[in-house]
């Protein structure tokens, strides 16, 4: 079976630190897939905030997630401090990808992730173009 591959950019303009909490563990005693997606969400919110944006206001556009991919590289455990690096890539007319690299405090890769984000007008309930200023940041 073919496996997903997420192409990582050569440079990540943003990184943040997130701890693995006891509630992030699954029955296997390691970071659960649902919790990893929540950590990616937290990193996305922090990334946007760093550049003066939010999920409801990307230079006047809202954001909605179109897809997500996660490739697991290693286990995360309670007490680990994850570094999550984030970069915006592959801009198109209506959206872009956010790519994430998650490593633990020892530099071991835990996961690669990608979220496909679309610009969305929540009042009109339709897609809208990526604002030009959002492409520049």
C-alpha atoms as a PDB file:
ATOM      1  CA  UNK A   1       0.000   0.000   0.000  1.00  0.00           C
ATOM      2  CA  UNK A   2       1.304   3.451  -0.899  1.00  0.00           C
ATOM      3  CA  UNK A   3       2.072   5.695   2.069  1.00  0.00           C
ATOM      4  CA  UNK A   4       1.474   9.409   2.334  1.00  0.00           C
ATOM      5  CA  UNK A   5       4.455  11.692   1.966  1.00  0.00           C
ATOM      6  CA  UNK A   6       4.364  15.303   3.028  1.00  0.00           C
ATOM      7  CA  UNK A   7       7.004  17.471   1.388  1.00  0.00           C
ATOM      8  CA  UNK A   8       8.555  19.728   4.008  1.00  0.00           C
ATOM      9  CA  UNK A   9       9.763  23.186   3.010  1.00  0.00           C
ATOM     10  CA  UNK A  10      13.430  24.096   3.512  1.00  0.00           C
ATOM     11  CA  UNK A  11      12.467  26.860   5.968  1.00  0.00           C
ATOM     12  CA  UNK A  12       9.750  27.242   8.595  1.00  0.00           C
ATOM     13  CA  UNK A  13       9.054  30.891   9.517  1.00  0.00           C
ATOM     14  CA  UNK A  14       7.323  29.990  12.797  1.00  0.00           C
ATOM     15  CA  UNK A  15       7.699  27.579  15.671  1.00  0.00           C
ATOM     16  CA  UNK A  16       6.013  27.083  19.018  1.00  0.00           C
ATOM     17  CA  UNK A  17       6.378  24.741  21.976  1.00  0.00           C
ATOM     18  CA  UNK A  18       3.503  22.515  23.140  1.00  0.00           C
ATOM     19  CA  UNK A  19       3.547  19.938  25.949  1.00  0.00           C
ATOM     20  CA  UNK A  20       1.999  16.509  25.659  1.00  0.00           C
ATOM     21  CA  UNK A  21      -0.598  16.380  28.425  1.00  0.00           C
ATOM     22  CA  UNK A  22      -1.890  13.294  30.189  1.00  0.00           C
ATOM     23  CA  UNK A  23      -5.208  13.759  28.370  1.00  0.00           C
ATOM     24  CA  UNK A  24      -3.356  13.537  25.025  1.00  0.00           C
ATOM     25  CA  UNK A  25      -2.477   9.865  25.568  1.00  0.00           C
ATOM     26  CA  UNK A  26      -4.377   6.938  24.095  1.00  0.00           C
ATOM     27  CA  UNK A  27      -4.752   3.381  25.375  1.00  0.00           C
ATOM     28  CA  UNK A  28      -1.279   2.592  23.975  1.00  0.00           C
ATOM     29  CA  UNK A  29       0.241   5.083  26.409  1.00  0.00           C
ATOM     30  CA  UNK A  30       1.446   7.449  23.687  1.00  0.00           C
ATOM     31  CA  UNK A  31       0.185  10.560  21.894  1.00  0.00           C
ATOM     32  CA  UNK A  32      -3.184   9.784  20.313  1.00  0.00           C
ATOM     33  CA  UNK A  33      -4.042  10.716  16.731  1.00  0.00           C
ATOM     34  CA  UNK A  34      -6.966  12.898  17.821  1.00  0.00           C
ATOM     35  CA  UNK A  35      -4.755  14.777  20.277  1.00  0.00           C
ATOM     36  CA  UNK A  36      -2.083  15.292  17.618  1.00  0.00           C
ATOM     37  CA  UNK A  37      -4.654  16.962  15.389  1.00  0.00           C
ATOM     38  CA  UNK A  38      -5.628  19.213  18.312  1.00  0.00           C
ATOM     39  CA  UNK A  39      -1.969  20.168  18.819  1.00  0.00           C
ATOM     40  CA  UNK A  40      -1.714  21.019  15.113  1.00  0.00           C
ATOM     41  CA  UNK A  41      -4.814  23.209  15.511  1.00  0.00           C
ATOM     42  CA  UNK A  42      -3.231  25.042  18.448  1.00  0.00           C
ATOM     43  CA  UNK A  43      -0.042  25.577  16.450  1.00  0.00           C
ATOM     44  CA  UNK A  44      -2.087  26.926  13.513  1.00  0.00           C
ATOM     45  CA  UNK A  45      -3.864  29.456  15.750  1.00  0.00           C
ATOM     46  CA  UNK A  46      -0.525  30.598  17.202  1.00  0.00           C
ATOM     47  CA  UNK A  47       1.021  30.816  13.710  1.00  0.00           C
ATOM     48  CA  UNK A  48      -1.802  33.022  12.450  1.00  0.00           C
ATOM     49  CA  UNK A  49      -1.664  35.209  15.566  1.00  0.00           C
ATOM     50  CA  UNK A  50       2.091  35.741  15.080  1.00  0.00           C
ATOM     51  CA  UNK A  51       1.312  37.402  11.737  1.00  0.00           C
ATOM     52  CA  UNK A  52      -1.695  39.385  13.009  1.00  0.00           C
ATOM     53  CA  UNK A  53      -4.401  37.032  11.760  1.00  0.00           C
ATOM     54  CA  UNK A  54      -6.956  34.568  13.108  1.00  0.00           C
ATOM     55  CA  UNK A  55      -8.977  31.725  11.643  1.00  0.00           C
ATOM     56  CA  UNK A  56     -11.921  34.109  11.251  1.00  0.00           C
ATOM     57  CA  UNK A  57      -9.885  37.032   9.923  1.00  0.00           C
ATOM     58  CA  UNK A  58      -7.097  36.380   7.444  1.00  0.00           C
ATOM     59  CA  UNK A  59      -6.933  39.930   6.090  1.00  0.00           C
ATOM     60  CA  UNK A  60     -10.734  39.923   5.816  1.00  0.00           C
ATOM     61  CA  UNK A  61     -11.263  36.269   4.890  1.00  0.00           C
ATOM     62  CA  UNK A  62     -12.227  33.417   7.159  1.00  0.00           C
ATOM     63  CA  UNK A  63     -10.488  30.056   6.982  1.00  0.00           C
ATOM     64  CA  UNK A  64     -11.992  26.606   6.700  1.00  0.00           C
ATOM     65  CA  UNK A  65     -10.057  23.336   6.618  1.00  0.00           C
ATOM     66  CA  UNK A  66     -10.490  21.351   3.405  1.00  0.00           C
ATOM     67  CA  UNK A  67      -8.246  18.404   4.225  1.00  0.00           C
ATOM     68  CA  UNK A  68      -5.646  17.124   6.632  1.00  0.00           C
ATOM     69  CA  UNK A  69      -2.823  14.597   6.378  1.00  0.00           C
ATOM     70  CA  UNK A  70      -0.628  13.280   9.158  1.00  0.00           C
ATOM     71  CA  UNK A  71       2.413  11.065   8.788  1.00  0.00           C
ATOM     72  CA  UNK A  72       3.592   9.576  12.073  1.00  0.00           C
ATOM     73  CA  UNK A  73       7.339   9.343  12.527  1.00  0.00           C
ATOM     74  CA  UNK A  74       7.655   8.405  16.204  1.00  0.00           C
ATOM     75  CA  UNK A  75       5.850   8.156  19.503  1.00  0.00           C
ATOM     76  CA  UNK A  76       5.166  11.061  21.817  1.00  0.00           C
ATOM     77  CA  UNK A  77       4.803  10.514  25.555  1.00  0.00           C
ATOM     78  CA  UNK A  78       3.401  12.329  28.572  1.00  0.00           C
ATOM     79  CA  UNK A  79       5.716  15.165  29.572  1.00  0.00           C
ATOM     80  CA  UNK A  80       7.369  15.495  26.170  1.00  0.00           C
ATOM     81  CA  UNK A  81       7.715  19.073  24.983  1.00  0.00           C
ATOM     82  CA  UNK A  82       6.989  19.269  21.277  1.00  0.00           C
ATOM     83  CA  UNK A  83       8.382  21.890  18.954  1.00  0.00           C
ATOM     84  CA  UNK A  84       5.890  22.515  16.180  1.00  0.00           C
ATOM     85  CA  UNK A  85       7.234  24.333  13.132  1.00  0.00           C
ATOM     86  CA  UNK A  86       4.735  25.807  10.660  1.00  0.00           C
ATOM     87  CA  UNK A  87       4.999  27.120   7.088  1.00  0.00           C
ATOM     88  CA  UNK A  88       2.434  28.255   4.502  1.00  0.00           C
ATOM     89  CA  UNK A  89       2.945  26.683   1.080  1.00  0.00           C
ATOM     90  CA  UNK A  90       1.241  26.030  -2.259  1.00  0.00           C
ATOM     91  CA  UNK A  91      -0.943  29.121  -2.490  1.00  0.00           C
ATOM     92  CA  UNK A  92      -3.688  29.002  -5.094  1.00  0.00           C
ATOM     93  CA  UNK A  93      -6.732  31.104  -5.965  1.00  0.00           C
ATOM     94  CA  UNK A  94      -8.793  30.113  -2.911  1.00  0.00           C
ATOM     95  CA  UNK A  95      -6.370  28.669  -0.413  1.00  0.00           C
ATOM     96  CA  UNK A  96      -3.033  27.255   0.609  1.00  0.00           C
ATOM     97  CA  UNK A  97      -1.464  24.490   2.653  1.00  0.00           C
ATOM     98  CA  UNK A  98      -0.011  24.769   6.129  1.00  0.00           C
ATOM     99  CA  UNK A  99       2.770  22.270   6.704  1.00  0.00           C
ATOM    100  CA  UNK A 100       3.887  21.210  10.179  1.00  0.00           C
ATOM    101  CA  UNK A 101       6.974  19.468  11.534  1.00  0.00           C
ATOM    102  CA  UNK A 102       6.624  18.137  15.091  1.00  0.00           C
ATOM    103  CA  UNK A 103       9.724  17.093  17.040  1.00  0.00           C
ATOM    104  CA  UNK A 104      10.257  16.266  20.711  1.00  0.00           C
ATOM    105  CA  UNK A 105      12.724  17.861  23.136  1.00  0.00           C
ATOM    106  CA  UNK A 106      15.446  15.472  21.916  1.00  0.00           C
ATOM    107  CA  UNK A 107      14.985  16.505  18.278  1.00  0.00           C
ATOM    108  CA  UNK A 108      13.262  13.238  17.338  1.00  0.00           C
ATOM    109  CA  UNK A 109      10.601  13.643  14.666  1.00  0.00           C
ATOM    110  CA  UNK A 110       7.144  12.755  15.949  1.00  0.00           C
ATOM    111  CA  UNK A 111       5.032  13.697  12.915  1.00  0.00           C
ATOM    112  CA  UNK A 112       4.697  15.634   9.685  1.00  0.00           C
ATOM    113  CA  UNK A 113       1.296  17.165   8.996  1.00  0.00           C
ATOM    114  CA  UNK A 114      -0.464  19.244   6.367  1.00  0.00           C
ATOM    115  CA  UNK A 115      -3.754  21.090   6.532  1.00  0.00           C
ATOM    116  CA  UNK A 116      -5.363  22.363   3.337  1.00  0.00           C
ATOM    117  CA  UNK A 117      -6.915  25.723   4.185  1.00  0.00           C
ATOM    118  CA  UNK A 118      -9.501  27.552   2.085  1.00  0.00           C
ATOM    119  CA  UNK A 119     -10.581  31.160   2.408  1.00  0.00           C
ATOM    120  CA  UNK A 120     -14.250  31.231   3.294  1.00  0.00           C
ATOM    121  CA  UNK A 121     -16.883  33.918   3.743  1.00  0.00           C
ATOM    122  CA  UNK A 122     -18.880  32.666   6.731  1.00  0.00           C
ATOM    123  CA  UNK A 123     -21.681  35.201   6.155  1.00  0.00           C
ATOM    124  CA  UNK A 124     -22.234  34.321   2.478  1.00  0.00           C
ATOM    125  CA  UNK A 125     -21.263  30.648   3.113  1.00  0.00           C
ATOM    126  CA  UNK A 126     -18.976  30.499   0.071  1.00  0.00           C
ATOM    127  CA  UNK A 127     -15.328  30.401  -0.888  1.00  0.00           C
ATOM    128  CA  UNK A 128     -13.447  33.627  -1.426  1.00  0.00           C
ATOM    129  CA  UNK A 129     -10.082  34.482  -2.927  1.00  0.00           C
ATOM    130  CA  UNK A 130      -6.948  34.547  -0.809  1.00  0.00           C
ATOM    131  CA  UNK A 131      -6.365  38.199   0.136  1.00  0.00           C
ATOM    132  CA  UNK A 132      -3.179  39.507  -1.545  1.00  0.00           C
ATOM    133  CA  UNK A 133      -1.670  40.659   1.765  1.00  0.00           C
ATOM    134  CA  UNK A 134      -2.032  37.132   3.199  1.00  0.00           C
ATOM    135  CA  UNK A 135       0.212  35.795   0.428  1.00  0.00           C
ATOM    136  CA  UNK A 136       2.951  38.257   1.337  1.00  0.00           C
ATOM    137  CA  UNK A 137       3.252  37.251   5.020  1.00  0.00           C
END
